[in-house]
Amino acid sequence: MDIYKKLSTICVKFISTNSVKSTEELEKIDYGIQVILINMFKLTILFLTSYFLGILSKTIIAVISFAIIRIFASGVHASSNLKCTITNMILFIGNVYLSIQIILNKYIIITIFILSLILIIIYAPADTEDRPLLSVKLRKKLKMYSIIVTLLLGIISLNCNNHVFLNIIIFSLLEEAFLITPIAYYIFNRKYNNYKNI
């Protein structure tokens, strides 16, 4: 049993003794606690690394920009926590360093934005094996929110005077747009359109 499971088990035992919850509800709580703990650990590693590299504030902007669209568009997940942690380091710290080094002109920014928007329109939301999106209504709703958030991020980036923050936002958008494509699922060796297999 790993540390996340041990901690979530302690929390679930406390909840079950202090409230009336069904077995199914407790299983959902257990899973939710494990997800929170794992993500907290991964973010701690990411933020500590970026702090020592002197790019903490920029990394936080990259994470927030990515997470805002990720909530609705979802996308591929790595097959292990270690792979996920390494991927996060590449995505977020790589984004920041690229954003610092490159000055994009408006035509390139608009091109990246349009490409990202097209990918979001075609592929969002992209589910996972653990969380297949079975509801047609939910998929339509998530697609609509994904498009709206993409448009908002595009407007924000185009009106941002700081070229580094502009780049961070637009690269975050491109990263997430790529991670919902069948190519990304193939690279990570994960199943695509999981709702169709149920």
N, C-alpha and C. Protein backbone atom coordinates (compact mmCIF):
# COMPACT_ATOMS: atom_id res chain seq x y z
N MET A 1 0.85 -1.20 0.00
CA MET A 1 0.00 0.00 0.00
C MET A 1 0.89 1.25 0.00
N ASP A 2 0.68 2.18 -0.98
CA ASP A 2 1.51 3.38 -1.03
C ASP A 2 1.05 4.41 -0.02
N ILE A 3 1.86 5.46 0.14
CA ILE A 3 1.60 6.49 1.14
C ILE A 3 0.28 7.21 0.91
N TYR A 4 -0.08 7.42 -0.39
CA TYR A 4 -1.33 8.10 -0.70
C TYR A 4 -2.53 7.28 -0.25
N LYS A 5 -2.45 5.98 -0.49
CA LYS A 5 -3.52 5.08 -0.08
C LYS A 5 -3.65 5.02 1.43
N LYS A 6 -2.51 4.98 2.11
CA LYS A 6 -2.52 4.94 3.58
C LYS A 6 -3.18 6.19 4.16
N LEU A 7 -2.80 7.35 3.62
CA LEU A 7 -3.36 8.61 4.12
C LEU A 7 -4.85 8.73 3.81
N SER A 8 -5.23 8.31 2.59
CA SER A 8 -6.65 8.38 2.23
C SER A 8 -7.48 7.41 3.07
N THR A 9 -6.92 6.25 3.39
CA THR A 9 -7.61 5.27 4.23
C THR A 9 -7.87 5.84 5.62
N ILE A 10 -6.88 6.54 6.17
CA ILE A 10 -7.04 7.18 7.49
C ILE A 10 -8.16 8.22 7.43
N CYS A 11 -8.17 9.04 6.38
CA CYS A 11 -9.20 10.07 6.22
C CYS A 11 -10.59 9.46 6.07
N VAL A 12 -10.68 8.39 5.25
CA VAL A 12 -11.98 7.74 5.01
C VAL A 12 -12.51 7.09 6.29
N LYS A 13 -11.61 6.50 7.07
CA LYS A 13 -12.03 5.90 8.35
C LYS A 13 -12.59 6.96 9.28
N PHE A 14 -11.93 8.12 9.32
CA PHE A 14 -12.41 9.23 10.15
C PHE A 14 -13.79 9.70 9.68
N ILE A 15 -13.96 9.83 8.36
CA ILE A 15 -15.24 10.28 7.79
C ILE A 15 -16.34 9.27 8.08
N SER A 16 -16.04 7.98 7.90
CA SER A 16 -17.06 6.93 8.10
C SER A 16 -17.51 6.82 9.55
N THR A 17 -16.61 7.12 10.49
CA THR A 17 -16.99 7.05 11.92
C THR A 17 -17.71 8.30 12.40
N ASN A 18 -17.60 9.38 11.63
CA ASN A 18 -18.22 10.64 12.05
C ASN A 18 -19.39 11.09 11.17
N SER A 19 -19.74 10.27 10.19
CA SER A 19 -20.89 10.60 9.33
C SER A 19 -21.48 9.33 8.73
N VAL A 20 -22.67 9.48 8.18
CA VAL A 20 -23.33 8.33 7.55
C VAL A 20 -23.12 8.40 6.04
N LYS A 21 -22.27 7.52 5.55
CA LYS A 21 -21.97 7.48 4.11
C LYS A 21 -22.07 6.04 3.62
N SER A 22 -22.57 5.90 2.38
CA SER A 22 -22.64 4.57 1.79
C SER A 22 -21.26 4.12 1.36
N THR A 23 -21.11 2.83 1.08
CA THR A 23 -19.83 2.28 0.62
C THR A 23 -19.38 2.96 -0.67
N GLU A 24 -20.34 3.18 -1.58
CA GLU A 24 -20.03 3.84 -2.85
C GLU A 24 -19.53 5.26 -2.63
N GLU A 25 -20.18 5.99 -1.72
CA GLU A 25 -19.76 7.36 -1.41
C GLU A 25 -18.36 7.38 -0.80
N LEU A 26 -18.09 6.44 0.08
CA LEU A 26 -16.77 6.36 0.71
C LEU A 26 -15.68 6.02 -0.30
N GLU A 27 -16.01 5.17 -1.29
CA GLU A 27 -15.06 4.84 -2.35
C GLU A 27 -14.72 6.07 -3.19
N LYS A 28 -15.75 6.89 -3.48
CA LYS A 28 -15.53 8.12 -4.24
C LYS A 28 -14.67 9.10 -3.45
N ILE A 29 -14.95 9.21 -2.15
CA ILE A 29 -14.16 10.09 -1.28
C ILE A 29 -12.72 9.62 -1.23
N ASP A 30 -12.54 8.30 -1.09
CA ASP A 30 -11.20 7.70 -1.03
C ASP A 30 -10.42 8.04 -2.30
N TYR A 31 -11.06 7.85 -3.45
CA TYR A 31 -10.42 8.15 -4.74
C TYR A 31 -10.08 9.64 -4.83
N GLY A 32 -11.03 10.49 -4.43
CA GLY A 32 -10.82 11.94 -4.49
C GLY A 32 -9.66 12.40 -3.62
N ILE A 33 -9.56 11.85 -2.42
CA ILE A 33 -8.47 12.20 -1.50
C ILE A 33 -7.13 11.78 -2.10
N GLN A 34 -7.07 10.58 -2.68
CA GLN A 34 -5.83 10.11 -3.30
C GLN A 34 -5.40 11.02 -4.45
N VAL A 35 -6.36 11.43 -5.28
CA VAL A 35 -6.06 12.32 -6.40
C VAL A 35 -5.51 13.65 -5.90
N ILE A 36 -6.14 14.20 -4.86
CA ILE A 36 -5.69 15.48 -4.29
C ILE A 36 -4.27 15.35 -3.73
N LEU A 37 -4.01 14.29 -2.98
CA LEU A 37 -2.69 14.09 -2.39
C LEU A 37 -1.60 13.93 -3.45
N ILE A 38 -1.90 13.13 -4.47
CA ILE A 38 -0.93 12.91 -5.55
C ILE A 38 -0.62 14.22 -6.27
N ASN A 39 -1.67 15.00 -6.58
CA ASN A 39 -1.47 16.27 -7.29
C ASN A 39 -0.74 17.29 -6.44
N MET A 40 -1.02 17.29 -5.13
CA MET A 40 -0.31 18.19 -4.22
C MET A 40 1.19 17.87 -4.21
N PHE A 41 1.50 16.59 -4.18
CA PHE A 41 2.91 16.16 -4.18
C PHE A 41 3.60 16.59 -5.48
N LYS A 42 2.92 16.36 -6.61
CA LYS A 42 3.51 16.70 -7.91
C LYS A 42 3.71 18.21 -8.05
N LEU A 43 2.71 18.98 -7.59
CA LEU A 43 2.82 20.44 -7.66
C LEU A 43 3.92 20.96 -6.74
N THR A 44 4.07 20.33 -5.58
CA THR A 44 5.14 20.73 -4.65
C THR A 44 6.51 20.55 -5.30
N ILE A 45 6.72 19.41 -5.94
CA ILE A 45 7.99 19.16 -6.64
C ILE A 45 8.20 20.20 -7.75
N LEU A 46 7.15 20.44 -8.53
CA LEU A 46 7.23 21.40 -9.64
C LEU A 46 7.55 22.80 -9.14
N PHE A 47 6.83 23.25 -8.12
CA PHE A 47 7.01 24.62 -7.62
C PHE A 47 8.35 24.79 -6.89
N LEU A 48 8.79 23.76 -6.18
CA LEU A 48 10.11 23.84 -5.53
C LEU A 48 11.22 23.94 -6.58
N THR A 49 11.10 23.12 -7.64
CA THR A 49 12.09 23.16 -8.72
C THR A 49 12.10 24.52 -9.39
N SER A 50 10.92 25.04 -9.70
CA SER A 50 10.84 26.34 -10.37
C SER A 50 11.31 27.47 -9.46
N TYR A 51 11.10 27.33 -8.14
CA TYR A 51 11.59 28.33 -7.18
C TYR A 51 13.11 28.40 -7.22
N PHE A 52 13.76 27.23 -7.18
CA PHE A 52 15.23 27.20 -7.19
C PHE A 52 15.80 27.64 -8.55
N LEU A 53 14.98 27.53 -9.60
CA LEU A 53 15.41 28.00 -10.92
C LEU A 53 15.11 29.49 -11.12
N GLY A 54 14.39 30.07 -10.15
CA GLY A 54 14.06 31.50 -10.20
C GLY A 54 12.91 31.84 -11.13
N ILE A 55 12.02 30.87 -11.38
CA ILE A 55 10.91 31.10 -12.32
C ILE A 55 9.55 30.72 -11.70
N LEU A 56 9.45 30.82 -10.38
CA LEU A 56 8.24 30.35 -9.69
C LEU A 56 6.98 31.06 -10.16
N SER A 57 6.98 32.39 -10.18
CA SER A 57 5.77 33.14 -10.54
C SER A 57 5.32 32.81 -11.97
N LYS A 58 6.29 32.65 -12.86
CA LYS A 58 5.96 32.33 -14.26
C LYS A 58 5.41 30.90 -14.38
N THR A 59 5.96 30.00 -13.59
CA THR A 59 5.47 28.61 -13.60
C THR A 59 4.05 28.55 -13.07
N ILE A 60 3.75 29.34 -12.05
CA ILE A 60 2.38 29.39 -11.51
C ILE A 60 1.41 29.87 -12.59
N ILE A 61 1.79 30.89 -13.36
CA ILE A 61 0.96 31.38 -14.46
C ILE A 61 0.75 30.28 -15.49
N ALA A 62 1.80 29.52 -15.80
CA ALA A 62 1.71 28.42 -16.77
C ALA A 62 0.75 27.34 -16.27
N VAL A 63 0.85 27.00 -15.00
CA VAL A 63 -0.02 25.96 -14.42
C VAL A 63 -1.48 26.42 -14.44
N ILE A 64 -1.72 27.67 -14.02
CA ILE A 64 -3.09 28.21 -13.98
C ILE A 64 -3.69 28.26 -15.39
N SER A 65 -2.92 28.77 -16.35
CA SER A 65 -3.40 28.87 -17.74
C SER A 65 -3.76 27.49 -18.29
N PHE A 66 -2.90 26.53 -18.03
CA PHE A 66 -3.12 25.16 -18.49
C PHE A 66 -4.32 24.53 -17.79
N ALA A 67 -4.40 24.70 -16.48
CA ALA A 67 -5.45 24.06 -15.68
C ALA A 67 -6.84 24.58 -16.03
N ILE A 68 -6.94 25.88 -16.35
CA ILE A 68 -8.24 26.49 -16.67
C ILE A 68 -8.90 25.77 -17.86
N ILE A 69 -8.13 25.48 -18.88
CA ILE A 69 -8.69 24.79 -20.05
C ILE A 69 -8.75 23.28 -19.82
N ARG A 70 -7.79 22.74 -19.07
CA ARG A 70 -7.72 21.30 -18.79
C ARG A 70 -8.96 20.81 -18.05
N ILE A 71 -9.50 21.65 -17.16
CA ILE A 71 -10.69 21.29 -16.38
C ILE A 71 -11.82 20.83 -17.29
N PHE A 72 -11.98 21.52 -18.41
CA PHE A 72 -13.10 21.24 -19.32
C PHE A 72 -12.72 20.33 -20.48
N ALA A 73 -11.53 20.53 -21.04
CA ALA A 73 -11.13 19.75 -22.23
C ALA A 73 -10.55 18.39 -21.86
N SER A 74 -10.08 18.24 -20.62
CA SER A 74 -9.48 17.01 -20.11
C SER A 74 -8.26 16.64 -20.96
N GLY A 75 -8.09 15.39 -21.32
CA GLY A 75 -6.94 14.99 -22.13
C GLY A 75 -6.18 13.82 -21.55
N VAL A 76 -5.14 13.42 -22.26
CA VAL A 76 -4.38 12.22 -21.91
C VAL A 76 -3.66 12.39 -20.57
N HIS A 77 -3.55 11.27 -19.85
CA HIS A 77 -2.79 11.22 -18.60
C HIS A 77 -1.67 10.19 -18.76
N ALA A 78 -0.54 10.45 -18.13
CA ALA A 78 0.57 9.49 -18.15
C ALA A 78 0.17 8.24 -17.37
N SER A 79 0.82 7.15 -17.66
CA SER A 79 0.45 5.85 -17.07
C SER A 79 0.97 5.66 -15.64
N SER A 80 1.83 6.54 -15.16
CA SER A 80 2.32 6.43 -13.78
C SER A 80 2.57 7.83 -13.22
N ASN A 81 2.65 7.92 -11.89
CA ASN A 81 2.91 9.20 -11.24
C ASN A 81 4.27 9.77 -11.61
N LEU A 82 5.27 8.88 -11.75
CA LEU A 82 6.61 9.33 -12.12
C LEU A 82 6.60 9.95 -13.52
N LYS A 83 5.95 9.24 -14.48
CA LYS A 83 5.86 9.77 -15.85
C LYS A 83 5.10 11.09 -15.87
N CYS A 84 4.07 11.17 -15.05
CA CYS A 84 3.26 12.39 -14.98
C CYS A 84 4.09 13.55 -14.43
N THR A 85 4.87 13.29 -13.40
CA THR A 85 5.72 14.31 -12.80
C THR A 85 6.76 14.82 -13.81
N ILE A 86 7.37 13.90 -14.54
CA ILE A 86 8.36 14.26 -15.56
C ILE A 86 7.70 15.07 -16.68
N THR A 87 6.51 14.63 -17.09
CA THR A 87 5.77 15.34 -18.14
C THR A 87 5.43 16.75 -17.69
N ASN A 88 4.98 16.90 -16.44
CA ASN A 88 4.66 18.23 -15.90
C ASN A 88 5.88 19.15 -15.93
N MET A 89 7.04 18.60 -15.54
CA MET A 89 8.27 19.41 -15.54
C MET A 89 8.58 19.90 -16.95
N ILE A 90 8.44 18.99 -17.93
CA ILE A 90 8.73 19.35 -19.32
C ILE A 90 7.73 20.39 -19.82
N LEU A 91 6.44 20.15 -19.55
CA LEU A 91 5.39 21.05 -20.03
C LEU A 91 5.50 22.45 -19.44
N PHE A 92 5.59 22.52 -18.11
CA PHE A 92 5.51 23.82 -17.44
C PHE A 92 6.85 24.57 -17.42
N ILE A 93 7.91 23.90 -17.02
CA ILE A 93 9.21 24.58 -16.98
C ILE A 93 9.70 24.82 -18.41
N GLY A 94 9.45 23.85 -19.30
CA GLY A 94 9.78 24.04 -20.71
C GLY A 94 9.03 25.22 -21.30
N ASN A 95 7.76 25.34 -20.99
CA ASN A 95 6.94 26.45 -21.45
C ASN A 95 7.55 27.78 -21.01
N VAL A 96 7.89 27.87 -19.72
CA VAL A 96 8.43 29.13 -19.17
C VAL A 96 9.74 29.51 -19.86
N TYR A 97 10.67 28.56 -19.98
CA TYR A 97 11.96 28.87 -20.60
C TYR A 97 11.80 29.25 -22.07
N LEU A 98 10.91 28.57 -22.76
CA LEU A 98 10.64 28.90 -24.16
C LEU A 98 10.03 30.31 -24.26
N SER A 99 9.12 30.61 -23.35
CA SER A 99 8.44 31.91 -23.34
C SER A 99 9.39 33.05 -23.05
N ILE A 100 10.40 32.81 -22.22
CA ILE A 100 11.40 33.83 -21.90
C ILE A 100 12.31 34.09 -23.10
N GLN A 101 12.67 33.03 -23.82
CA GLN A 101 13.67 33.12 -24.90
C GLN A 101 13.11 33.66 -26.21
N ILE A 102 11.81 33.41 -26.46
CA ILE A 102 11.24 33.72 -27.78
C ILE A 102 10.29 34.91 -27.70
N ILE A 103 10.39 35.79 -28.68
CA ILE A 103 9.41 36.87 -28.83
C ILE A 103 8.59 36.55 -30.08
N LEU A 104 7.31 36.27 -29.88
CA LEU A 104 6.43 35.91 -30.99
C LEU A 104 5.77 37.16 -31.56
N ASN A 105 5.68 37.25 -32.89
CA ASN A 105 4.90 38.37 -33.45
C ASN A 105 3.42 38.00 -33.46
N LYS A 106 2.59 38.98 -33.71
CA LYS A 106 1.14 38.77 -33.59
C LYS A 106 0.61 37.73 -34.56
N TYR A 107 1.24 37.61 -35.73
CA TYR A 107 0.78 36.64 -36.72
C TYR A 107 1.00 35.21 -36.23
N ILE A 108 2.13 34.98 -35.60
CA ILE A 108 2.41 33.65 -35.05
C ILE A 108 1.48 33.35 -33.88
N ILE A 109 1.25 34.35 -33.03
CA ILE A 109 0.35 34.18 -31.89
C ILE A 109 -1.05 33.83 -32.37
N ILE A 110 -1.53 34.57 -33.36
CA ILE A 110 -2.87 34.31 -33.91
C ILE A 110 -2.94 32.93 -34.55
N THR A 111 -1.86 32.53 -35.25
CA THR A 111 -1.81 31.20 -35.87
C THR A 111 -1.89 30.10 -34.81
N ILE A 112 -1.08 30.24 -33.73
CA ILE A 112 -1.11 29.25 -32.64
C ILE A 112 -2.49 29.20 -32.00
N PHE A 113 -3.07 30.39 -31.79
CA PHE A 113 -4.40 30.45 -31.19
C PHE A 113 -5.44 29.76 -32.06
N ILE A 114 -5.45 30.05 -33.36
CA ILE A 114 -6.43 29.44 -34.28
C ILE A 114 -6.25 27.93 -34.34
N LEU A 115 -4.99 27.47 -34.41
CA LEU A 115 -4.70 26.03 -34.42
C LEU A 115 -5.23 25.37 -33.15
N SER A 116 -4.96 26.00 -32.01
CA SER A 116 -5.43 25.47 -30.71
C SER A 116 -6.94 25.42 -30.67
N LEU A 117 -7.59 26.48 -31.13
CA LEU A 117 -9.05 26.55 -31.14
C LEU A 117 -9.64 25.45 -32.02
N ILE A 118 -9.05 25.23 -33.20
CA ILE A 118 -9.53 24.18 -34.11
C ILE A 118 -9.42 22.81 -33.44
N LEU A 119 -8.28 22.54 -32.78
CA LEU A 119 -8.09 21.26 -32.09
C LEU A 119 -9.10 21.09 -30.95
N ILE A 120 -9.35 22.18 -30.23
CA ILE A 120 -10.34 22.14 -29.14
C ILE A 120 -11.73 21.85 -29.69
N ILE A 121 -12.09 22.52 -30.78
CA ILE A 121 -13.41 22.31 -31.40
C ILE A 121 -13.57 20.87 -31.87
N ILE A 122 -12.52 20.31 -32.46
CA ILE A 122 -12.59 18.94 -33.00
C ILE A 122 -12.56 17.88 -31.90
N TYR A 123 -11.63 18.03 -30.95
CA TYR A 123 -11.33 16.91 -30.04
C TYR A 123 -11.82 17.06 -28.59
N ALA A 124 -12.12 18.25 -28.14
CA ALA A 124 -12.55 18.41 -26.74
C ALA A 124 -14.00 17.96 -26.56
N PRO A 125 -14.31 17.35 -25.42
CA PRO A 125 -13.39 16.91 -24.37
C PRO A 125 -12.85 15.51 -24.69
N ALA A 126 -11.62 15.26 -24.26
CA ALA A 126 -11.00 13.94 -24.47
C ALA A 126 -10.96 13.20 -23.13
N ASP A 127 -11.64 12.08 -23.06
CA ASP A 127 -11.76 11.38 -21.78
C ASP A 127 -10.59 10.43 -21.53
N THR A 128 -10.62 9.76 -20.40
CA THR A 128 -9.58 8.79 -20.04
C THR A 128 -10.23 7.45 -19.69
N GLU A 129 -9.40 6.42 -19.56
CA GLU A 129 -9.92 5.10 -19.20
C GLU A 129 -10.54 5.11 -17.80
N ASP A 130 -9.96 5.90 -16.90
CA ASP A 130 -10.49 5.99 -15.54
C ASP A 130 -11.77 6.81 -15.48
N ARG A 131 -11.87 7.81 -16.37
CA ARG A 131 -13.05 8.68 -16.37
C ARG A 131 -13.63 8.81 -17.77
N PRO A 132 -14.27 7.76 -18.28
CA PRO A 132 -14.92 7.87 -19.60
C PRO A 132 -16.13 8.79 -19.53
N LEU A 133 -16.27 9.66 -20.53
CA LEU A 133 -17.38 10.61 -20.54
C LEU A 133 -18.56 9.99 -21.28
N LEU A 134 -19.40 9.28 -20.54
CA LEU A 134 -20.49 8.52 -21.13
C LEU A 134 -21.66 9.39 -21.58
N SER A 135 -21.90 10.47 -20.88
CA SER A 135 -23.06 11.32 -21.16
C SER A 135 -22.81 12.23 -22.37
N VAL A 136 -23.69 12.12 -23.36
CA VAL A 136 -23.61 12.98 -24.55
C VAL A 136 -23.81 14.44 -24.15
N LYS A 137 -24.76 14.65 -23.24
CA LYS A 137 -25.07 16.00 -22.76
C LYS A 137 -23.85 16.63 -22.08
N LEU A 138 -23.16 15.85 -21.25
CA LEU A 138 -21.98 16.34 -20.55
C LEU A 138 -20.85 16.65 -21.54
N ARG A 139 -20.66 15.78 -22.54
CA ARG A 139 -19.61 16.01 -23.53
C ARG A 139 -19.86 17.31 -24.30
N LYS A 140 -21.11 17.55 -24.66
CA LYS A 140 -21.46 18.79 -25.37
C LYS A 140 -21.22 20.02 -24.50
N LYS A 141 -21.57 19.89 -23.23
CA LYS A 141 -21.40 20.98 -22.27
C LYS A 141 -19.91 21.29 -22.07
N LEU A 142 -19.10 20.25 -21.91
CA LEU A 142 -17.67 20.43 -21.72
C LEU A 142 -17.00 21.02 -22.96
N LYS A 143 -17.47 20.59 -24.15
CA LYS A 143 -16.94 21.16 -25.40
C LYS A 143 -17.23 22.65 -25.48
N MET A 144 -18.46 23.03 -25.13
CA MET A 144 -18.85 24.44 -25.18
C MET A 144 -17.98 25.26 -24.22
N TYR A 145 -17.81 24.76 -22.98
CA TYR A 145 -16.98 25.46 -21.99
C TYR A 145 -15.52 25.53 -22.45
N SER A 146 -15.04 24.45 -23.07
CA SER A 146 -13.66 24.43 -23.57
C SER A 146 -13.45 25.51 -24.62
N ILE A 147 -14.40 25.65 -25.52
CA ILE A 147 -14.30 26.66 -26.58
C ILE A 147 -14.35 28.07 -25.98
N ILE A 148 -15.26 28.29 -25.04
CA ILE A 148 -15.38 29.61 -24.40
C ILE A 148 -14.09 29.98 -23.68
N VAL A 149 -13.55 29.05 -22.91
CA VAL A 149 -12.31 29.31 -22.16
C VAL A 149 -11.14 29.55 -23.12
N THR A 150 -11.09 28.79 -24.21
CA THR A 150 -10.04 28.98 -25.21
C THR A 150 -10.12 30.39 -25.80
N LEU A 151 -11.31 30.82 -26.13
CA LEU A 151 -11.51 32.18 -26.67
C LEU A 151 -11.08 33.24 -25.66
N LEU A 152 -11.45 33.04 -24.39
CA LEU A 152 -11.08 33.99 -23.34
C LEU A 152 -9.56 34.06 -23.16
N LEU A 153 -8.91 32.89 -23.14
CA LEU A 153 -7.45 32.87 -23.01
C LEU A 153 -6.78 33.52 -24.21
N GLY A 154 -7.36 33.30 -25.39
CA GLY A 154 -6.84 33.94 -26.61
C GLY A 154 -6.95 35.45 -26.54
N ILE A 155 -8.08 35.95 -26.07
CA ILE A 155 -8.30 37.41 -25.93
C ILE A 155 -7.33 37.99 -24.90
N ILE A 156 -7.18 37.28 -23.77
CA ILE A 156 -6.25 37.74 -22.72
C ILE A 156 -4.83 37.82 -23.26
N SER A 157 -4.40 36.76 -23.96
CA SER A 157 -3.02 36.73 -24.47
C SER A 157 -2.78 37.82 -25.50
N LEU A 158 -3.76 38.07 -26.37
CA LEU A 158 -3.59 39.09 -27.41
C LEU A 158 -3.58 40.51 -26.84
N ASN A 159 -4.13 40.67 -25.63
CA ASN A 159 -4.16 41.99 -25.00
C ASN A 159 -3.13 42.13 -23.88
N CYS A 160 -2.25 41.15 -23.77
CA CYS A 160 -1.21 41.17 -22.74
C CYS A 160 0.03 41.90 -23.26
N ASN A 161 0.49 42.90 -22.52
CA ASN A 161 1.65 43.69 -22.96
C ASN A 161 2.98 43.03 -22.63
N ASN A 162 2.97 42.12 -21.66
CA ASN A 162 4.20 41.43 -21.26
C ASN A 162 4.38 40.21 -22.17
N HIS A 163 5.43 40.21 -23.00
CA HIS A 163 5.57 39.15 -24.00
C HIS A 163 5.79 37.78 -23.37
N VAL A 164 6.41 37.72 -22.17
CA VAL A 164 6.65 36.43 -21.51
C VAL A 164 5.32 35.82 -21.06
N PHE A 165 4.48 36.61 -20.40
CA PHE A 165 3.19 36.10 -19.94
C PHE A 165 2.28 35.76 -21.11
N LEU A 166 2.37 36.58 -22.17
CA LEU A 166 1.61 36.31 -23.40
C LEU A 166 2.00 34.93 -23.95
N ASN A 167 3.31 34.70 -24.06
CA ASN A 167 3.81 33.42 -24.56
C ASN A 167 3.37 32.25 -23.68
N ILE A 168 3.48 32.43 -22.36
CA ILE A 168 3.11 31.37 -21.42
C ILE A 168 1.66 30.95 -21.64
N ILE A 169 0.78 31.93 -21.76
CA ILE A 169 -0.65 31.63 -21.94
C ILE A 169 -0.89 30.91 -23.27
N ILE A 170 -0.30 31.43 -24.34
CA ILE A 170 -0.56 30.86 -25.66
C ILE A 170 0.07 29.47 -25.81
N PHE A 171 1.26 29.26 -25.19
CA PHE A 171 1.89 27.94 -25.23
C PHE A 171 1.11 26.94 -24.36
N SER A 172 0.57 27.41 -23.24
CA SER A 172 -0.25 26.54 -22.38
C SER A 172 -1.48 26.05 -23.14
N LEU A 173 -2.07 26.96 -23.89
CA LEU A 173 -3.23 26.64 -24.70
C LEU A 173 -2.89 25.60 -25.77
N LEU A 174 -1.75 25.78 -26.42
CA LEU A 174 -1.29 24.84 -27.46
C LEU A 174 -0.98 23.47 -26.86
N GLU A 175 -0.33 23.45 -25.68
CA GLU A 175 0.00 22.19 -25.01
C GLU A 175 -1.26 21.39 -24.71
N GLU A 176 -2.25 22.07 -24.12
CA GLU A 176 -3.49 21.36 -23.77
C GLU A 176 -4.23 20.92 -25.03
N ALA A 177 -4.25 21.76 -26.06
CA ALA A 177 -4.92 21.39 -27.32
C ALA A 177 -4.28 20.15 -27.92
N PHE A 178 -2.95 20.05 -27.82
CA PHE A 178 -2.26 18.86 -28.34
C PHE A 178 -2.59 17.62 -27.51
N LEU A 179 -2.69 17.78 -26.19
CA LEU A 179 -2.89 16.64 -25.29
C LEU A 179 -4.29 16.01 -25.37
N ILE A 180 -5.18 16.62 -26.15
CA ILE A 180 -6.50 16.01 -26.35
C ILE A 180 -6.61 15.32 -27.71
N THR A 181 -5.54 15.34 -28.47
CA THR A 181 -5.57 14.74 -29.81
C THR A 181 -5.26 13.24 -29.75
N PRO A 182 -5.72 12.49 -30.75
CA PRO A 182 -5.38 11.06 -30.82
C PRO A 182 -3.87 10.81 -30.87
N ILE A 183 -3.11 11.74 -31.46
CA ILE A 183 -1.65 11.58 -31.54
C ILE A 183 -1.04 11.54 -30.14
N ALA A 184 -1.50 12.43 -29.27
CA ALA A 184 -0.99 12.47 -27.89
C ALA A 184 -1.30 11.17 -27.17
N TYR A 185 -2.51 10.65 -27.36
CA TYR A 185 -2.89 9.38 -26.73
C TYR A 185 -2.02 8.24 -27.25
N TYR A 186 -1.69 8.30 -28.53
CA TYR A 186 -0.82 7.28 -29.13
C TYR A 186 0.59 7.35 -28.53
N ILE A 187 1.13 8.57 -28.40
CA ILE A 187 2.46 8.77 -27.83
C ILE A 187 2.53 8.24 -26.39
N PHE A 188 1.48 8.50 -25.62
CA PHE A 188 1.44 8.06 -24.22
C PHE A 188 0.94 6.61 -24.07
N ASN A 189 0.63 5.99 -25.21
CA ASN A 189 0.14 4.60 -25.22
C ASN A 189 -1.12 4.43 -24.37
N ARG A 190 -2.09 5.34 -24.58
CA ARG A 190 -3.34 5.30 -23.85
C ARG A 190 -4.50 5.16 -24.83
N LYS A 191 -5.61 4.62 -24.36
CA LYS A 191 -6.78 4.44 -25.22
C LYS A 191 -7.51 5.77 -25.40
N TYR A 192 -8.02 5.96 -26.63
CA TYR A 192 -8.71 7.21 -26.98
C TYR A 192 -10.22 6.95 -27.10
N ASN A 193 -11.03 8.01 -26.87
CA ASN A 193 -12.50 7.90 -26.94
C ASN A 193 -13.00 6.71 -26.12
N ASN A 194 -12.67 6.71 -24.84
CA ASN A 194 -12.98 5.58 -23.98
C ASN A 194 -14.47 5.34 -23.77
N TYR A 195 -15.27 6.41 -23.92
CA TYR A 195 -16.72 6.25 -23.75
C TYR A 195 -17.32 5.31 -24.82
N LYS A 196 -16.64 5.20 -25.96
CA LYS A 196 -17.13 4.32 -27.03
C LYS A 196 -16.91 2.84 -26.72
N ASN A 197 -16.02 2.55 -25.77
CA ASN A 197 -15.69 1.16 -25.45
C ASN A 197 -16.53 0.59 -24.30
N ILE A 198 -17.50 1.38 -23.85
CA ILE A 198 -18.33 0.92 -22.71
C ILE A 198 -19.76 0.72 -23.16
